[in-house]
Amino acid sequence: MTTSSTATVRPSPRYGEGRAALLAAAVHVVADQGLRNLTYRAVAREAGVAHGLVAHHFGTRDALLEAALQYSLENSVTSISTRPGSGDLDAVFDGLVKMVQNNPDDQAFQFELILESRRRRELRPYVESIYHAYVDSLQAELGYADIDPDPSLSHLIYAAAEGLVFHQITIGSPELTERSLANLRKLLRQCRSDPCFVHQE
């Protein structure tokens, strides 16, 4: 993850790229400086535009935060499978390590939001949307692979992958994440041949 004590002034976005550039800047600001430092001025400085443009596009800080979260999820939920809908267990989380390497800000942004929600209850809906985006996509892939998508199993797999991502962007290595994910896929294949989860009545 790229961190710095001062924001980098980027070239102004070209016409038609303004909103996406502002969202990418908002994600980077939160990933680099924490949610409490998400301001119009910080986002504008990161994007290389006047701060009034941020207010023009989003109106409120909450609207900016919600749009930035949606933007980060669109960039990262696709890492659930490199062949969505195929039922190929080898494709589950196959692109996860590369996604985190190429754009760690999306994951750091989401973790910052999750941690801040412990102090600010009004952020909980955002955190729930993160969870449901990943778990719903994962449950669908398990179903395609003929594994009963029991919610507790989906939650377990999601929590394992989330922990690996957190480890990778902090003190871990891509190689260790890859090996761990390979073992996770082995467990999933065992679940397909011999159900390994417990249904709650």
Protein backbone atom coordinates (compact mmCIF):
# COMPACT_ATOMS: atom_id res chain seq x y z
CA MET A 1 0.00 0.00 0.00
CA THR A 2 1.30 3.43 -0.90
CA THR A 3 1.44 5.82 2.00
CA SER A 4 2.76 9.33 2.36
CA SER A 5 2.53 12.18 4.80
CA THR A 6 1.67 14.70 2.10
CA ALA A 7 -0.83 14.48 -0.72
CA THR A 8 0.47 14.23 -4.25
CA VAL A 9 -0.85 16.86 -6.61
CA ARG A 10 -1.97 15.05 -9.73
CA PRO A 11 -2.58 16.48 -13.21
CA SER A 12 -6.10 17.78 -13.73
CA PRO A 13 -8.41 15.12 -15.20
CA ARG A 14 -9.42 15.42 -18.82
CA TYR A 15 -12.95 16.33 -19.83
CA GLY A 16 -15.40 13.52 -19.02
CA GLU A 17 -13.07 11.93 -16.48
CA GLY A 18 -13.80 14.33 -13.63
CA ARG A 19 -16.20 12.25 -11.54
CA ALA A 20 -14.13 9.05 -11.74
CA ALA A 21 -10.97 11.00 -10.92
CA LEU A 22 -12.66 12.51 -7.85
CA LEU A 23 -13.81 9.08 -6.66
CA ALA A 24 -10.33 7.61 -7.11
CA ALA A 25 -8.94 10.59 -5.21
CA ALA A 26 -11.45 10.13 -2.38
CA VAL A 27 -10.54 6.46 -2.07
CA HIS A 28 -6.85 7.34 -1.96
CA VAL A 29 -7.32 10.07 0.65
CA VAL A 30 -9.16 7.70 2.99
CA ALA A 31 -6.71 4.84 2.37
CA ASP A 32 -3.72 7.12 2.97
CA GLN A 33 -4.96 9.50 5.66
CA GLY A 34 -8.02 7.90 7.26
CA LEU A 35 -11.72 8.60 6.97
CA ARG A 36 -11.62 11.61 9.26
CA ASN A 37 -9.43 13.42 6.75
CA LEU A 38 -11.89 13.01 3.89
CA THR A 39 -12.65 16.63 2.96
CA TYR A 40 -13.51 18.41 -0.27
CA ARG A 41 -10.15 20.18 -0.16
CA ALA A 42 -8.16 16.97 0.37
CA VAL A 43 -9.96 15.22 -2.49
CA ALA A 44 -9.60 18.22 -4.79
CA ARG A 45 -5.88 18.50 -4.01
CA GLU A 46 -5.38 14.79 -4.73
CA ALA A 47 -7.33 15.04 -8.00
CA GLY A 48 -5.72 18.31 -9.08
CA VAL A 49 -8.96 20.32 -9.30
CA ALA A 50 -10.64 23.21 -7.50
CA HIS A 51 -12.39 22.06 -4.33
CA GLY A 52 -15.68 23.55 -5.51
CA LEU A 53 -15.81 20.87 -8.20
CA VAL A 54 -16.11 18.16 -5.55
CA ALA A 55 -19.14 19.85 -4.00
CA HIS A 56 -20.60 20.36 -7.48
CA HIS A 57 -20.42 16.64 -8.28
CA PHE A 58 -21.53 15.21 -4.93
CA GLY A 59 -23.23 17.91 -2.87
CA THR A 60 -22.44 16.42 0.53
CA ARG A 61 -19.60 14.54 2.15
CA ASP A 62 -21.92 11.58 2.76
CA ALA A 63 -22.82 11.45 -0.93
CA LEU A 64 -19.10 11.52 -1.79
CA LEU A 65 -18.40 8.71 0.68
CA GLU A 66 -21.23 6.56 -0.64
CA ALA A 67 -20.14 7.05 -4.25
CA ALA A 68 -16.50 6.34 -3.36
CA LEU A 69 -17.53 3.11 -1.64
CA GLN A 70 -19.54 1.99 -4.67
CA TYR A 71 -16.56 2.86 -6.89
CA SER A 72 -14.16 0.81 -4.74
CA LEU A 73 -16.54 -2.17 -4.64
CA GLU A 74 -16.95 -2.15 -8.41
CA ASN A 75 -13.17 -2.33 -8.67
CA SER A 76 -12.79 -5.21 -6.22
CA VAL A 77 -15.88 -7.47 -6.09
CA THR A 78 -14.89 -8.91 -9.47
CA SER A 79 -11.96 -10.57 -7.65
CA ILE A 80 -14.42 -13.15 -6.27
CA SER A 81 -13.96 -15.13 -9.47
CA THR A 82 -12.03 -14.74 -12.71
CA ARG A 83 -14.74 -16.80 -14.45
CA PRO A 84 -18.00 -15.68 -12.84
CA GLY A 85 -20.90 -18.05 -13.30
CA SER A 86 -18.72 -20.92 -14.53
CA GLY A 87 -18.70 -23.03 -11.36
CA ASP A 88 -14.90 -23.31 -11.69
CA LEU A 89 -13.49 -23.44 -8.16
CA ASP A 90 -9.98 -22.80 -9.48
CA ALA A 91 -11.24 -19.36 -10.55
CA VAL A 92 -12.53 -18.43 -7.07
CA PHE A 93 -10.26 -15.67 -5.70
CA ASP A 94 -7.83 -16.41 -8.53
CA GLY A 95 -7.45 -12.69 -9.28
CA LEU A 96 -7.46 -11.53 -5.66
CA VAL A 97 -3.71 -11.15 -5.12
CA LYS A 98 -3.19 -9.26 -8.38
CA MET A 99 -6.13 -7.00 -7.63
CA VAL A 100 -4.71 -6.09 -4.23
CA GLN A 101 -1.23 -5.56 -5.67
CA ASN A 102 -2.47 -3.32 -8.47
CA ASN A 103 -4.86 -1.23 -6.39
CA PRO A 104 -4.41 -1.60 -2.64
CA ASP A 105 -6.22 1.69 -1.98
CA ASP A 106 -9.62 0.11 -2.57
CA GLN A 107 -9.04 -2.45 0.17
CA ALA A 108 -7.45 0.01 2.58
CA PHE A 109 -10.37 2.39 2.01
CA GLN A 110 -12.87 -0.33 2.90
CA PHE A 111 -10.96 -1.40 5.99
CA GLU A 112 -10.75 2.21 7.17
CA LEU A 113 -14.51 2.51 6.78
CA ILE A 114 -15.11 -0.74 8.66
CA LEU A 115 -12.93 0.32 11.59
CA GLU A 116 -14.43 3.82 11.78
CA SER A 117 -17.94 2.29 11.93
CA ARG A 118 -17.09 1.01 15.42
CA ARG A 119 -16.93 4.62 16.57
CA ARG A 120 -19.64 6.05 14.32
CA ARG A 121 -22.80 3.96 14.13
CA GLU A 122 -24.12 5.97 11.20
CA LEU A 123 -21.47 4.30 9.05
CA ARG A 124 -22.82 0.82 9.67
CA PRO A 125 -25.04 0.76 6.53
CA TYR A 126 -21.92 1.37 4.44
CA VAL A 127 -20.13 -1.51 6.14
CA GLU A 128 -23.12 -3.79 5.63
CA SER A 129 -23.09 -2.94 1.93
CA ILE A 130 -19.43 -4.00 1.75
CA TYR A 131 -20.21 -7.33 3.40
CA HIS A 132 -23.26 -8.06 1.25
CA ALA A 133 -21.51 -7.14 -1.99
CA TYR A 134 -18.79 -9.74 -1.41
CA VAL A 135 -20.84 -12.46 0.28
CA ASP A 136 -23.71 -12.32 -2.21
CA SER A 137 -21.26 -12.66 -5.08
CA LEU A 138 -19.45 -15.50 -3.30
CA GLN A 139 -22.69 -17.35 -2.55
CA ALA A 140 -23.62 -17.18 -6.21
CA GLU A 141 -20.28 -18.69 -7.22
CA LEU A 142 -20.65 -21.50 -4.69
CA GLY A 143 -24.06 -22.28 -6.11
CA TYR A 144 -22.64 -22.45 -9.64
CA ALA A 145 -20.00 -24.88 -8.31
CA ASP A 146 -22.73 -27.17 -6.88
CA ILE A 147 -21.81 -26.31 -3.30
CA ASP A 148 -24.82 -25.56 -1.14
CA PRO A 149 -24.31 -21.83 -0.45
CA ASP A 150 -25.11 -22.06 3.23
CA PRO A 151 -24.74 -18.55 4.74
CA SER A 152 -22.39 -19.75 7.47
CA LEU A 153 -20.06 -21.33 4.90
CA SER A 154 -20.10 -18.20 2.74
CA HIS A 155 -19.37 -16.10 5.81
CA LEU A 156 -16.45 -18.34 6.77
CA ILE A 157 -14.90 -18.22 3.29
CA TYR A 158 -15.38 -14.47 3.02
CA ALA A 159 -13.81 -13.91 6.46
CA ALA A 160 -10.81 -16.04 5.49
CA ALA A 161 -10.26 -14.15 2.24
CA GLU A 162 -10.78 -10.79 3.94
CA GLY A 163 -8.19 -11.69 6.57
CA LEU A 164 -5.70 -12.67 3.88
CA VAL A 165 -6.23 -9.36 2.09
CA PHE A 166 -5.75 -7.42 5.33
CA HIS A 167 -2.56 -9.34 6.00
CA GLN A 168 -1.27 -8.71 2.46
CA ILE A 169 -1.73 -4.93 2.57
CA THR A 170 -0.11 -4.65 5.99
CA ILE A 171 2.67 -7.11 6.80
CA GLY A 172 2.11 -10.03 4.43
CA SER A 173 3.35 -11.04 1.01
CA PRO A 174 1.57 -11.85 -2.26
CA GLU A 175 3.25 -15.26 -2.36
CA LEU A 176 1.89 -16.25 1.06
CA THR A 177 -1.59 -15.04 0.10
CA GLU A 178 -1.48 -17.13 -3.09
CA ARG A 179 -0.49 -20.28 -1.20
CA SER A 180 -3.17 -19.68 1.41
CA LEU A 181 -5.83 -19.18 -1.26
CA ALA A 182 -4.75 -22.41 -2.96
CA ASN A 183 -5.41 -24.23 0.31
CA LEU A 184 -8.77 -22.48 0.65
CA ARG A 185 -9.77 -23.73 -2.81
CA LYS A 186 -8.77 -27.27 -1.78
CA LEU A 187 -11.17 -27.01 1.14
CA LEU A 188 -13.92 -25.84 -1.21
CA ARG A 189 -13.38 -28.83 -3.47
CA GLN A 190 -13.71 -31.08 -0.42
CA CYS A 191 -16.97 -29.36 0.44
CA ARG A 192 -18.30 -30.16 -3.01
CA SER A 193 -17.55 -33.89 -2.68
CA ASP A 194 -18.32 -34.20 1.04
CA PRO A 195 -20.37 -31.36 2.61
CA CYS A 196 -18.26 -29.88 5.39
CA PHE A 197 -20.54 -27.33 6.92
CA VAL A 198 -23.23 -27.42 9.59
CA HIS A 199 -26.72 -26.07 8.92
CA GLN A 200 -28.32 -24.10 11.70
CA GLU A 201 -31.89 -25.13 12.43
